[in-house]
Amino acid sequence: MQPAEDKRESNDTPLNDPWSKDHKADPYPLIRDVQGILLESQMLHKKLKRHVYELSHNIGIRSIFSSANYRHAEAYIANTFNSYGFDVKFQEYELV
């Protein structure tokens, strides 16, 4: 088994080395990575906040006296998971 070939530029600097003085493609790759992570985190925060608001304010209270709200919440959650590509399956159970 042969070791993987190390592809280097003519000046023996590894390609895409963020610490290299000769890194011309992107002089700030680590900053760009952190910015991307922060942006993803902010987007996730907004999505989660929207789901919580939908369930708590728009659909509202779910109790034994408001079974319609259970069905609305069930449909909302199932549709959300389906939109993310998950196959949603339901399990029936009996209340005691």
Foldseek 3Di string as FASTA:
>chain_A
DDDDDQDADPVRDGAPDQVDPPHDPDVPVVVVVVVVVVVVVVVVVVVVVVLVCCLPPVLHDDDPVCVVSVVVNVVVVCVVVVVVPDDDDDDDDDDD
